Amino acid sequence: MKLSLISSGKALGQREIHNEHFVSYLDTTDQWIRERSGISTRRWVDDESTVDLAFAASEECLSRLPDFDRSKIKVVICATVTPDEVVPAISAQLQDLLGLDTDILAFDINAACSGLVYALEIARNLLRVRPAGTAALVLGAEMLSRKTDMQDRGSCFLFGDGAGASLWTLHEGEDDYFSAKTVGDTEMLTVGLNEPIRMDGRAVFRFAVSKMSDCIRDVLEKADLAPDEVDYYLLHQANQRINDAIMRDLKLTGERFPSNIARVGNTSSASIGILMEELYRSGQLDGSKTICLAGFGGGMSCGALLMKGHEIHVVG
């Protein structure tokens, strides 16, 4: 049995923040930021909460299916490092906001920017032991602007706010392939309960390129595929230079690596879901596509999920 996408949705912070915002008070330039990260703009919340973003993305996902029976949703998983509160979980709040049945398994996970990939692997295994036709709502939702040190010239321009939601079920077919790596490191990238994001940019870059490439090669080997047999690599949108380095490592070209980081910035666990929604909405995903999702994040964690011959159900 393999995962099959039913629908997708996204939400972004209301405010569009251009690089000139940082130029206005830091010793930096638009060119330096773009060369360093590939980012031109990002979206920040105004008065929205993380739950607001999660709900908006999920509602958009489900509203694309006006005839879908929401009682089929038996699993809700939200990946986040920026919940509004410890409890109730975002996923639990979504149960009420979306009008879902109460007999569901709803919980949040924290694997930083690897979160959506990890959540999909968890959902895949949970769906295996539930009745046929059961669906899982999987999302990443982040409000990183509230965790950013706006005086940190090396990182403050990276982060944005948003949520990406997707609805999945299982269908007959060749299993999907998953690989993960974890390196317990408390110094490379941290977000305290009351402290902002701190990271060693060079160390994070080396980890991301090395470990994410390793995870991708692991799933390619398990699936008996060459790198050029994957149609799309949906990578965590952390830094364009990281993704370009992985692309070169796999000896591939840019058309297999869709990107939105220039417009959205780094939205942590939401980034792959937001990117997926854009491809879904534009019709670039279809039943013949083989896709690889790969992310890395604080922990340090890294994961890749490959869907070989991915069957996708596109609903207008």
Protein backbone atom coordinates (compact mmCIF):
# COMPACT_ATOMS: atom_id res chain seq x y z
CA MET A 1 0.00 0.00 0.00
CA LYS A 2 1.22 3.48 -0.80
CA LEU A 3 0.30 7.04 0.04
CA SER A 4 -1.94 8.88 -2.36
CA LEU A 5 -2.57 12.61 -2.16
CA ILE A 6 -6.20 13.67 -2.20
CA SER A 7 -5.91 17.43 -1.75
CA SER A 8 -3.59 20.18 -0.57
CA GLY A 9 -3.81 23.69 0.87
CA LYS A 10 -1.62 26.47 2.24
CA ALA A 11 -1.72 29.69 4.21
CA LEU A 12 0.89 32.43 4.53
CA GLY A 13 1.35 35.31 6.93
CA GLN A 14 -0.51 38.45 5.92
CA ARG A 15 2.49 40.78 5.70
CA GLU A 16 4.96 40.61 2.81
CA ILE A 17 8.43 41.56 4.03
CA HIS A 18 11.02 42.57 1.43
CA ASN A 19 14.77 42.47 1.96
CA GLU A 20 14.78 46.26 2.19
CA HIS A 21 13.18 45.89 5.62
CA PHE A 22 16.45 44.47 6.96
CA VAL A 23 18.58 46.87 4.92
CA SER A 24 16.81 49.73 6.70
CA TYR A 25 18.33 48.91 10.09
CA LEU A 26 21.15 46.37 9.61
CA ASP A 27 24.53 46.52 7.90
CA THR A 28 23.40 44.45 4.92
CA THR A 29 22.14 44.74 1.34
CA ASP A 30 19.43 43.16 -0.76
CA GLN A 31 22.10 41.63 -3.00
CA TRP A 32 23.94 40.08 -0.04
CA ILE A 33 20.75 38.51 1.30
CA ARG A 34 19.76 37.12 -2.10
CA GLU A 35 23.24 35.76 -2.77
CA ARG A 36 23.45 34.26 0.70
CA SER A 37 20.01 32.62 0.74
CA GLY A 38 18.10 33.07 -2.49
CA ILE A 39 15.36 34.94 -0.60
CA SER A 40 13.80 38.19 -1.83
CA THR A 41 10.62 38.31 0.25
CA ARG A 42 8.98 36.38 3.05
CA ARG A 43 5.56 36.49 4.73
CA TRP A 44 5.07 37.31 8.40
CA VAL A 45 1.95 37.15 10.51
CA ASP A 46 0.17 40.29 11.57
CA ASP A 47 -2.28 39.24 14.25
CA GLU A 48 -2.62 35.58 13.20
CA SER A 49 -1.65 32.66 15.43
CA THR A 50 -0.08 29.34 14.42
CA VAL A 51 -3.50 27.73 14.84
CA ASP A 52 -4.98 30.37 12.50
CA LEU A 53 -2.43 29.44 9.82
CA ALA A 54 -2.99 25.71 10.36
CA PHE A 55 -6.76 26.09 10.15
CA ALA A 56 -6.63 28.26 7.01
CA ALA A 57 -4.37 25.79 5.20
CA SER A 58 -6.45 22.80 6.30
CA GLU A 59 -9.74 24.45 5.37
CA GLU A 60 -8.41 25.34 1.93
CA CYS A 61 -7.27 21.73 1.50
CA LEU A 62 -10.68 20.33 2.45
CA SER A 63 -12.75 23.01 0.70
CA ARG A 64 -11.32 21.81 -2.60
CA LEU A 65 -13.31 18.64 -1.96
CA PRO A 66 -16.88 19.87 -1.37
CA ASP A 67 -18.27 16.33 -1.49
CA PHE A 68 -15.60 14.74 0.70
CA ASP A 69 -16.92 13.02 3.82
CA ARG A 70 -14.82 14.50 6.64
CA SER A 71 -15.75 11.56 8.86
CA LYS A 72 -13.19 9.56 6.85
CA ILE A 73 -10.40 11.56 8.50
CA LYS A 74 -9.15 9.43 11.39
CA VAL A 75 -5.62 10.81 11.74
CA VAL A 76 -4.52 14.45 12.13
CA ILE A 77 -0.82 15.22 12.58
CA CYS A 78 0.64 18.71 12.81
CA ALA A 79 4.39 19.27 12.65
CA THR A 80 5.48 22.48 14.37
CA VAL A 81 8.16 24.08 16.54
CA THR A 82 6.07 27.19 17.21
CA PRO A 83 2.77 26.15 18.82
CA ASP A 84 0.76 28.91 20.45
CA GLU A 85 0.64 26.88 23.66
CA VAL A 86 1.85 23.54 24.94
CA VAL A 87 -1.66 22.08 25.19
CA PRO A 88 -4.07 21.68 23.59
CA ALA A 89 -2.13 20.56 20.52
CA ILE A 90 -2.77 22.34 17.23
CA SER A 91 -4.09 19.08 15.80
CA ALA A 92 -6.59 18.77 18.66
CA GLN A 93 -7.84 22.30 18.06
CA LEU A 94 -8.24 21.51 14.37
CA GLN A 95 -10.59 18.65 15.26
CA ASP A 96 -13.09 21.19 16.57
CA LEU A 97 -12.41 23.98 14.07
CA LEU A 98 -12.77 21.67 11.05
CA GLY A 99 -15.82 19.87 12.40
CA LEU A 100 -14.13 16.47 12.47
CA ASP A 101 -15.36 13.45 14.40
CA THR A 102 -14.01 13.05 17.91
CA ASP A 103 -12.93 9.42 17.40
CA ILE A 104 -9.68 10.41 15.70
CA LEU A 105 -6.00 10.22 16.56
CA ALA A 106 -4.76 13.82 16.66
CA PHE A 107 -1.33 14.94 17.86
CA ASP A 108 1.56 17.30 17.11
CA ILE A 109 5.20 16.38 16.47
CA ASN A 110 8.44 18.35 16.66
CA ALA A 111 11.19 17.33 14.27
CA ALA A 112 11.89 20.92 13.25
CA CYS A 113 12.18 21.34 9.48
CA SER A 114 12.08 17.56 8.92
CA GLY A 115 8.65 17.54 10.55
CA LEU A 116 6.39 17.12 7.51
CA VAL A 117 8.42 14.20 6.13
CA TYR A 118 8.38 12.49 9.52
CA ALA A 119 4.66 13.17 9.91
CA LEU A 120 3.90 11.60 6.53
CA GLU A 121 5.83 8.45 7.44
CA ILE A 122 3.90 8.22 10.71
CA ALA A 123 0.61 8.77 8.90
CA ARG A 124 1.46 6.11 6.33
CA ASN A 125 1.99 3.51 9.04
CA LEU A 126 -1.10 4.55 11.01
CA LEU A 127 -3.30 4.30 7.91
CA ARG A 128 -2.07 0.76 7.30
CA VAL A 129 -3.90 -0.48 10.40
CA ARG A 130 -7.10 1.43 9.79
CA PRO A 131 -10.06 0.60 7.51
CA ALA A 132 -9.72 1.08 3.77
CA GLY A 133 -10.67 4.58 2.69
CA THR A 134 -9.49 6.17 5.93
CA ALA A 135 -7.76 9.53 5.42
CA ALA A 136 -5.04 11.42 7.25
CA LEU A 137 -4.70 15.20 7.42
CA VAL A 138 -1.00 16.04 7.66
CA LEU A 139 0.33 19.55 7.99
CA GLY A 140 3.21 21.75 8.99
CA ALA A 141 2.47 25.12 10.58
CA GLU A 142 4.99 27.69 11.77
CA MET A 143 5.16 31.26 13.03
CA LEU A 144 8.94 31.72 12.97
CA SER A 145 8.89 35.51 12.92
CA ARG A 146 7.97 35.36 16.62
CA LYS A 147 11.08 33.24 17.30
CA THR A 148 13.56 35.25 15.25
CA ASP A 149 16.22 37.54 16.71
CA MET A 150 15.72 40.53 14.45
CA GLN A 151 19.19 41.83 15.34
CA ASP A 152 20.95 38.65 14.19
CA ARG A 153 22.31 39.80 10.84
CA GLY A 154 23.23 36.27 9.83
CA SER A 155 19.79 34.68 10.18
CA CYS A 156 16.95 37.17 10.72
CA PHE A 157 16.21 37.45 7.00
CA LEU A 158 15.73 33.68 6.55
CA PHE A 159 12.43 32.96 8.24
CA GLY A 160 8.78 33.25 7.26
CA ASP A 161 5.38 32.24 8.59
CA GLY A 162 2.98 29.81 6.96
CA ALA A 163 1.27 26.44 6.90
CA GLY A 164 0.97 23.66 4.36
CA ALA A 165 -1.74 21.00 4.71
CA SER A 166 -2.35 17.81 2.75
CA LEU A 167 -4.94 15.04 2.82
CA TRP A 168 -3.79 11.46 2.19
CA THR A 169 -5.12 7.95 1.93
CA LEU A 170 -3.62 4.57 1.01
CA HIS A 171 -4.04 2.84 -2.33
CA GLU A 172 -2.80 -0.41 -3.79
CA GLY A 173 0.72 -0.17 -5.12
CA GLU A 174 4.39 -0.50 -4.39
CA ASP A 175 5.32 0.71 -0.92
CA ASP A 176 6.86 4.13 -0.43
CA TYR A 177 10.43 4.37 0.84
CA PHE A 178 11.63 6.27 3.90
CA SER A 179 15.03 7.08 5.37
CA ALA A 180 15.99 9.17 8.39
CA LYS A 181 19.15 10.25 10.16
CA THR A 182 19.53 11.92 13.54
CA VAL A 183 22.59 13.54 15.07
CA GLY A 184 22.03 14.69 18.65
CA ASP A 185 23.49 18.19 18.58
CA THR A 186 22.40 20.92 20.99
CA GLU A 187 24.66 23.61 19.56
CA MET A 188 24.18 23.60 15.80
CA LEU A 189 20.59 24.92 15.82
CA THR A 190 18.42 25.68 18.83
CA VAL A 191 15.15 27.42 19.67
CA GLY A 192 14.60 27.94 23.37
CA LEU A 193 11.27 28.12 25.13
CA ASN A 194 11.82 31.82 25.68
CA GLU A 195 14.88 32.37 23.49
CA PRO A 196 15.07 33.05 19.74
CA ILE A 197 16.54 30.88 17.01
CA ARG A 198 20.31 30.42 17.27
CA MET A 199 22.32 28.53 14.71
CA ASP A 200 25.81 27.92 13.42
CA GLY A 201 25.16 28.64 9.76
CA ARG A 202 28.26 26.93 8.40
CA ALA A 203 27.70 23.78 10.43
CA VAL A 204 24.03 23.65 9.43
CA PHE A 205 25.00 24.03 5.77
CA ARG A 206 27.47 21.13 5.97
CA PHE A 207 24.98 18.92 7.82
CA ALA A 208 22.15 19.69 5.40
CA VAL A 209 24.10 18.98 2.24
CA SER A 210 25.74 15.83 3.59
CA LYS A 211 22.88 14.19 5.48
CA MET A 212 20.04 15.17 3.16
CA SER A 213 22.04 13.82 0.21
CA ASP A 214 22.62 10.62 2.20
CA CYS A 215 18.89 10.21 2.95
CA ILE A 216 17.96 10.82 -0.67
CA ARG A 217 20.51 8.28 -1.88
CA ASP A 218 19.21 5.78 0.71
CA VAL A 219 15.64 5.94 -0.60
CA LEU A 220 16.81 5.87 -4.22
CA GLU A 221 18.73 2.68 -3.47
CA LYS A 222 15.75 1.13 -1.68
CA ALA A 223 13.51 1.98 -4.64
CA ASP A 224 16.14 0.82 -7.17
CA LEU A 225 16.02 4.17 -8.95
CA ALA A 226 18.66 6.42 -10.45
CA PRO A 227 18.51 10.10 -9.43
CA ASP A 228 17.23 11.12 -12.86
CA GLU A 229 14.25 8.74 -12.57
CA VAL A 230 12.64 11.00 -9.96
CA ASP A 231 10.45 13.68 -11.50
CA TYR A 232 10.48 16.14 -8.60
CA TYR A 233 12.59 16.58 -5.50
CA LEU A 234 10.58 18.62 -3.01
CA LEU A 235 13.26 19.81 -0.61
CA HIS A 236 12.87 21.84 2.55
CA GLN A 237 13.15 25.46 1.49
CA ALA A 238 15.83 26.57 3.92
CA ASN A 239 18.44 28.09 1.67
CA GLN A 240 18.75 28.00 -2.11
CA ARG A 241 22.49 27.38 -1.88
CA ILE A 242 21.86 24.19 0.11
CA ASN A 243 19.37 22.88 -2.44
CA ASP A 244 21.67 23.81 -5.32
CA ALA A 245 24.52 21.89 -3.67
CA ILE A 246 22.31 18.78 -3.34
CA MET A 247 21.25 19.15 -6.95
CA ARG A 248 24.89 19.22 -8.04
CA ASP A 249 25.70 16.26 -5.78
CA LEU A 250 22.98 14.23 -7.55
CA LYS A 251 24.22 15.52 -10.94
CA LEU A 252 20.80 16.85 -11.86
CA THR A 253 19.41 20.13 -13.21
CA GLY A 254 17.03 22.67 -11.77
CA GLU A 255 13.76 21.59 -13.40
CA ARG A 256 13.58 18.63 -11.00
CA PHE A 257 13.94 20.92 -7.97
CA PRO A 258 10.96 23.30 -7.74
CA SER A 259 11.58 26.21 -5.43
CA ASN A 260 9.59 28.98 -3.80
CA ILE A 261 12.14 30.16 -1.24
CA ALA A 262 12.64 33.46 -3.07
CA ARG A 263 9.01 34.39 -2.31
CA VAL A 264 8.29 32.56 0.95
CA GLY A 265 11.55 32.16 2.86
CA ASN A 266 12.26 29.36 5.32
CA THR A 267 8.99 28.24 6.94
CA SER A 268 10.47 25.20 8.71
CA SER A 269 8.08 22.23 8.84
CA ALA A 270 5.56 24.10 6.65
CA SER A 271 7.88 24.59 3.69
CA ILE A 272 7.51 21.25 1.87
CA GLY A 273 3.73 21.34 2.28
CA ILE A 274 3.53 24.89 0.91
CA LEU A 275 5.68 23.91 -2.07
CA MET A 276 3.59 20.79 -2.66
CA GLU A 277 0.40 22.86 -2.67
CA GLU A 278 1.79 25.14 -5.34
CA LEU A 279 2.66 22.18 -7.57
CA TYR A 280 -0.72 20.56 -6.85
CA ARG A 281 -2.63 23.73 -7.69
CA SER A 282 -0.68 24.31 -10.93
CA GLY A 283 -1.33 20.75 -12.13
CA GLN A 284 2.34 19.76 -12.23
CA LEU A 285 1.66 16.62 -10.20
CA ASP A 286 -0.11 13.75 -11.93
CA GLY A 287 -0.45 10.00 -11.71
CA SER A 288 2.83 9.31 -13.50
CA LYS A 289 5.06 11.36 -11.21
CA THR A 290 7.66 9.91 -8.88
CA ILE A 291 8.48 12.39 -6.13
CA CYS A 292 10.99 12.59 -3.31
CA LEU A 293 10.33 14.75 -0.25
CA ALA A 294 13.40 15.57 1.84
CA GLY A 295 13.96 17.83 4.82
CA PHE A 296 16.48 18.59 7.54
CA GLY A 297 16.24 20.55 10.74
CA GLY A 298 17.22 21.12 14.32
CA GLY A 299 17.85 18.00 16.31
CA MET A 300 19.74 17.58 14.10
CA SER A 301 17.28 15.55 12.05
CA CYS A 302 16.99 14.60 8.42
CA GLY A 303 14.47 12.52 6.48
CA ALA A 304 13.45 11.58 2.95
CA LEU A 305 10.31 9.91 1.62
CA LEU A 306 10.18 8.59 -1.94
CA MET A 307 6.88 7.82 -3.65
CA LYS A 308 7.67 5.69 -6.68
CA GLY A 309 5.20 5.99 -9.52
CA HIS A 310 3.18 8.23 -7.23
CA GLU A 311 -0.54 8.02 -7.83
CA ILE A 312 -2.19 11.34 -7.16
CA HIS A 313 -5.88 12.23 -7.20
CA VAL A 314 -6.17 15.81 -8.42
CA VAL A 315 -9.40 17.56 -7.55
CA GLY A 316 -9.98 20.99 -9.06
